[in-house]
Amino acid sequence: MKPLKEKISVTIDADLLQELKKQAEKDDRSLSQYINLVLRKHIEKEKED
């Protein structure tokens, strides 16, 4: 079963948003999917420390 998704609203610096969009396109993912991936990797890394 897929994990439940929730919608949130965040404010992101314009330059960071542009870079996220570029990286998402490069990785052939939607912006939302890419942000989820980046956050998940960050959380996993933090748990290791």
PDB file of N, CA and C in Angstrom:
ATOM      1  N   MET A   1       0.836  -1.178   0.000  1.00  0.00           N
ATOM      2  CA  MET A   1       0.000   0.000   0.000  1.00  0.00           C
ATOM      3  C   MET A   1       0.888   1.250   0.000  1.00  0.00           C
ATOM      4  N   LYS A   2       0.540   2.240  -0.821  1.00  0.00           N
ATOM      5  CA  LYS A   2       1.319   3.468  -0.887  1.00  0.00           C
ATOM      6  C   LYS A   2       1.166   4.278   0.406  1.00  0.00           C
ATOM      7  N   PRO A   3       2.232   4.959   0.819  1.00  0.00           N
ATOM      8  CA  PRO A   3       2.110   5.811   2.009  1.00  0.00           C
ATOM      9  C   PRO A   3       1.152   6.967   1.743  1.00  0.00           C
ATOM     10  N   LEU A   4       0.472   7.408   2.775  1.00  0.00           N
ATOM     11  CA  LEU A   4      -0.442   8.532   2.640  1.00  0.00           C
ATOM     12  C   LEU A   4       0.327   9.806   2.375  1.00  0.00           C
ATOM     13  N   LYS A   5      -0.241  10.667   1.579  1.00  0.00           N
ATOM     14  CA  LYS A   5       0.389  11.945   1.253  1.00  0.00           C
ATOM     15  C   LYS A   5      -0.431  13.062   1.888  1.00  0.00           C
ATOM     16  N   GLU A   6       0.247  14.124   2.286  1.00  0.00           N
ATOM     17  CA  GLU A   6      -0.422  15.298   2.822  1.00  0.00           C
ATOM     18  C   GLU A   6       0.072  16.518   2.082  1.00  0.00           C
ATOM     19  N   LYS A   7      -0.817  17.446   1.852  1.00  0.00           N
ATOM     20  CA  LYS A   7      -0.441  18.693   1.201  1.00  0.00           C
ATOM     21  C   LYS A   7      -0.061  19.706   2.268  1.00  0.00           C
ATOM     22  N   ILE A   8       1.030  20.425   1.987  1.00  0.00           N
ATOM     23  CA  ILE A   8       1.468  21.494   2.871  1.00  0.00           C
ATOM     24  C   ILE A   8       1.835  22.703   2.023  1.00  0.00           C
ATOM     25  N   SER A   9       2.018  23.808   2.667  1.00  0.00           N
ATOM     26  CA  SER A   9       2.458  25.014   1.980  1.00  0.00           C
ATOM     27  C   SER A   9       3.757  25.471   2.626  1.00  0.00           C
ATOM     28  N   VAL A  10       4.774  25.700   1.817  1.00  0.00           N
ATOM     29  CA  VAL A  10       6.060  26.183   2.323  1.00  0.00           C
ATOM     30  C   VAL A  10       6.522  27.360   1.480  1.00  0.00           C
ATOM     31  N   THR A  11       7.361  28.168   2.049  1.00  0.00           N
ATOM     32  CA  THR A  11       7.970  29.284   1.333  1.00  0.00           C
ATOM     33  C   THR A  11       9.435  28.933   1.104  1.00  0.00           C
ATOM     34  N   ILE A  12       9.853  28.993  -0.149  1.00  0.00           N
ATOM     35  CA  ILE A  12      11.221  28.621  -0.529  1.00  0.00           C
ATOM     36  C   ILE A  12      11.859  29.799  -1.261  1.00  0.00           C
ATOM     37  N   ASP A  13      13.113  30.067  -0.975  1.00  0.00           N
ATOM     38  CA  ASP A  13      13.840  31.119  -1.684  1.00  0.00           C
ATOM     39  C   ASP A  13      13.792  30.847  -3.184  1.00  0.00           C
ATOM     40  N   ALA A  14      13.652  31.903  -3.957  1.00  0.00           N
ATOM     41  CA  ALA A  14      13.496  31.790  -5.405  1.00  0.00           C
ATOM     42  C   ALA A  14      14.666  31.061  -6.055  1.00  0.00           C
ATOM     43  N   ASP A  15      15.893  31.355  -5.629  1.00  0.00           N
ATOM     44  CA  ASP A  15      17.052  30.693  -6.234  1.00  0.00           C
ATOM     45  C   ASP A  15      17.078  29.203  -5.910  1.00  0.00           C
ATOM     46  N   LEU A  16      16.665  28.844  -4.699  1.00  0.00           N
ATOM     47  CA  LEU A  16      16.601  27.434  -4.314  1.00  0.00           C
ATOM     48  C   LEU A  16      15.520  26.715  -5.125  1.00  0.00           C
ATOM     49  N   LEU A  17      14.382  27.344  -5.310  1.00  0.00           N
ATOM     50  CA  LEU A  17      13.300  26.751  -6.087  1.00  0.00           C
ATOM     51  C   LEU A  17      13.738  26.498  -7.526  1.00  0.00           C
ATOM     52  N   GLN A  18      14.419  27.446  -8.118  1.00  0.00           N
ATOM     53  CA  GLN A  18      14.901  27.273  -9.494  1.00  0.00           C
ATOM     54  C   GLN A  18      15.847  26.082  -9.589  1.00  0.00           C
ATOM     55  N   GLU A  19      16.739  25.952  -8.620  1.00  0.00           N
ATOM     56  CA  GLU A  19      17.684  24.834  -8.626  1.00  0.00           C
ATOM     57  C   GLU A  19      16.965  23.505  -8.416  1.00  0.00           C
ATOM     58  N   LEU A  20      15.985  23.482  -7.523  1.00  0.00           N
ATOM     59  CA  LEU A  20      15.208  22.263  -7.306  1.00  0.00           C
ATOM     60  C   LEU A  20      14.477  21.850  -8.575  1.00  0.00           C
ATOM     61  N   LYS A  21      13.915  22.815  -9.276  1.00  0.00           N
ATOM     62  CA  LYS A  21      13.217  22.527 -10.533  1.00  0.00           C
ATOM     63  C   LYS A  21      14.177  21.951 -11.568  1.00  0.00           C
ATOM     64  N   LYS A  22      15.364  22.528 -11.667  1.00  0.00           N
ATOM     65  CA  LYS A  22      16.371  22.031 -12.610  1.00  0.00           C
ATOM     66  C   LYS A  22      16.765  20.597 -12.274  1.00  0.00           C
ATOM     67  N   GLN A  23      17.022  20.352 -11.002  1.00  0.00           N
ATOM     68  CA  GLN A  23      17.451  19.019 -10.579  1.00  0.00           C
ATOM     69  C   GLN A  23      16.338  17.992 -10.766  1.00  0.00           C
ATOM     70  N   ALA A  24      15.103  18.380 -10.497  1.00  0.00           N
ATOM     71  CA  ALA A  24      13.960  17.477 -10.684  1.00  0.00           C
ATOM     72  C   ALA A  24      13.821  17.099 -12.157  1.00  0.00           C
ATOM     73  N   GLU A  25      13.959  18.087 -13.030  1.00  0.00           N
ATOM     74  CA  GLU A  25      13.855  17.820 -14.467  1.00  0.00           C
ATOM     75  C   GLU A  25      14.997  16.909 -14.922  1.00  0.00           C
ATOM     76  N   LYS A  26      16.192  17.185 -14.434  1.00  0.00           N
ATOM     77  CA  LYS A  26      17.362  16.375 -14.772  1.00  0.00           C
ATOM     78  C   LYS A  26      17.169  14.924 -14.328  1.00  0.00           C
ATOM     79  N   ASP A  27      16.496  14.735 -13.195  1.00  0.00           N
ATOM     80  CA  ASP A  27      16.253  13.405 -12.636  1.00  0.00           C
ATOM     81  C   ASP A  27      14.945  12.802 -13.156  1.00  0.00           C
ATOM     82  N   ASP A  28      14.283  13.505 -14.086  1.00  0.00           N
ATOM     83  CA  ASP A  28      13.018  13.065 -14.684  1.00  0.00           C
ATOM     84  C   ASP A  28      11.950  12.785 -13.622  1.00  0.00           C
ATOM     85  N   ARG A  29      11.802  13.721 -12.692  1.00  0.00           N
ATOM     86  CA  ARG A  29      10.807  13.621 -11.618  1.00  0.00           C
ATOM     87  C   ARG A  29      10.022  14.920 -11.543  1.00  0.00           C
ATOM     88  N   SER A  30       8.852  14.824 -10.938  1.00  0.00           N
ATOM     89  CA  SER A  30       8.109  16.056 -10.664  1.00  0.00           C
ATOM     90  C   SER A  30       8.832  16.794  -9.534  1.00  0.00           C
ATOM     91  N   LEU A  31       8.555  18.058  -9.406  1.00  0.00           N
ATOM     92  CA  LEU A  31       9.167  18.844  -8.326  1.00  0.00           C
ATOM     93  C   LEU A  31       8.814  18.238  -6.973  1.00  0.00           C
ATOM     94  N   SER A  32       7.567  17.880  -6.797  1.00  0.00           N
ATOM     95  CA  SER A  32       7.114  17.290  -5.541  1.00  0.00           C
ATOM     96  C   SER A  32       7.852  15.981  -5.247  1.00  0.00           C
ATOM     97  N   GLN A  33       7.969  15.117  -6.230  1.00  0.00           N
ATOM     98  CA  GLN A  33       8.685  13.855  -6.040  1.00  0.00           C
ATOM     99  C   GLN A  33      10.142  14.107  -5.684  1.00  0.00           C
ATOM    100  N   TYR A  34      10.750  15.077  -6.354  1.00  0.00           N
ATOM    101  CA  TYR A  34      12.157  15.358  -6.101  1.00  0.00           C
ATOM    102  C   TYR A  34      12.373  15.907  -4.687  1.00  0.00           C
ATOM    103  N   ILE A  35      11.513  16.816  -4.262  1.00  0.00           N
ATOM    104  CA  ILE A  35      11.630  17.371  -2.902  1.00  0.00           C
ATOM    105  C   ILE A  35      11.453  16.264  -1.872  1.00  0.00           C
ATOM    106  N   ASN A  36      10.499  15.359  -2.092  1.00  0.00           N
ATOM    107  CA  ASN A  36      10.311  14.220  -1.190  1.00  0.00           C
ATOM    108  C   ASN A  36      11.574  13.381  -1.105  1.00  0.00           C
ATOM    109  N   LEU A  37      12.175  13.113  -2.256  1.00  0.00           N
ATOM    110  CA  LEU A  37      13.397  12.315  -2.311  1.00  0.00           C
ATOM    111  C   LEU A  37      14.533  12.986  -1.533  1.00  0.00           C
ATOM    112  N   VAL A  38      14.728  14.259  -1.779  1.00  0.00           N
ATOM    113  CA  VAL A  38      15.799  15.001  -1.110  1.00  0.00           C
ATOM    114  C   VAL A  38      15.581  15.025   0.403  1.00  0.00           C
ATOM    115  N   LEU A  39      14.361  15.285   0.827  1.00  0.00           N
ATOM    116  CA  LEU A  39      14.069  15.317   2.266  1.00  0.00           C
ATOM    117  C   LEU A  39      14.237  13.946   2.906  1.00  0.00           C
ATOM    118  N   ARG A  40      13.789  12.906   2.210  1.00  0.00           N
ATOM    119  CA  ARG A  40      13.929  11.545   2.744  1.00  0.00           C
ATOM    120  C   ARG A  40      15.407  11.180   2.914  1.00  0.00           C
ATOM    121  N   LYS A  41      16.235  11.496   1.913  1.00  0.00           N
ATOM    122  CA  LYS A  41      17.676  11.214   2.002  1.00  0.00           C
ATOM    123  C   LYS A  41      18.310  11.987   3.157  1.00  0.00           C
ATOM    124  N   HIS A  42      17.890  13.229   3.329  1.00  0.00           N
ATOM    125  CA  HIS A  42      18.433  14.047   4.414  1.00  0.00           C
ATOM    126  C   HIS A  42      18.075  13.449   5.779  1.00  0.00           C
ATOM    127  N   ILE A  43      16.818  13.056   5.938  1.00  0.00           N
ATOM    128  CA  ILE A  43      16.377  12.469   7.211  1.00  0.00           C
ATOM    129  C   ILE A  43      17.124  11.177   7.498  1.00  0.00           C
ATOM    130  N   GLU A  44      17.299  10.336   6.490  1.00  0.00           N
ATOM    131  CA  GLU A  44      18.034   9.083   6.672  1.00  0.00           C
ATOM    132  C   GLU A  44      19.472   9.353   7.092  1.00  0.00           C
ATOM    133  N   LYS A  45      20.087  10.357   6.471  1.00  0.00           N
ATOM    134  CA  LYS A  45      21.471  10.715   6.809  1.00  0.00           C
ATOM    135  C   LYS A  45      21.560  11.216   8.248  1.00  0.00           C
ATOM    136  N   GLU A  46      20.603  12.028   8.656  1.00  0.00           N
ATOM    137  CA  GLU A  46      20.594  12.554  10.029  1.00  0.00           C
ATOM    138  C   GLU A  46      20.428  11.453  11.052  1.00  0.00           C
ATOM    139  N   LYS A  47      19.649  10.440  10.732  1.00  0.00           N
ATOM    140  CA  LYS A  47      19.442   9.317  11.660  1.00  0.00           C
ATOM    141  C   LYS A  47      20.724   8.522  11.857  1.00  0.00           C
ATOM    142  N   GLU A  48      21.578   8.489  10.822  1.00  0.00           N
ATOM    143  CA  GLU A  48      22.845   7.754  10.909  1.00  0.00           C
ATOM    144  C   GLU A  48      23.838   8.439  11.849  1.00  0.00           C
ATOM    145  N   ASP A  49      23.750   9.754  11.958  1.00  0.00           N
ATOM    146  CA  ASP A  49      24.722  10.517  12.771  1.00  0.00           C
ATOM    147  C   ASP A  49      24.453  10.422  14.251  1.00  0.00           C
TER     148      ASP A  49
END
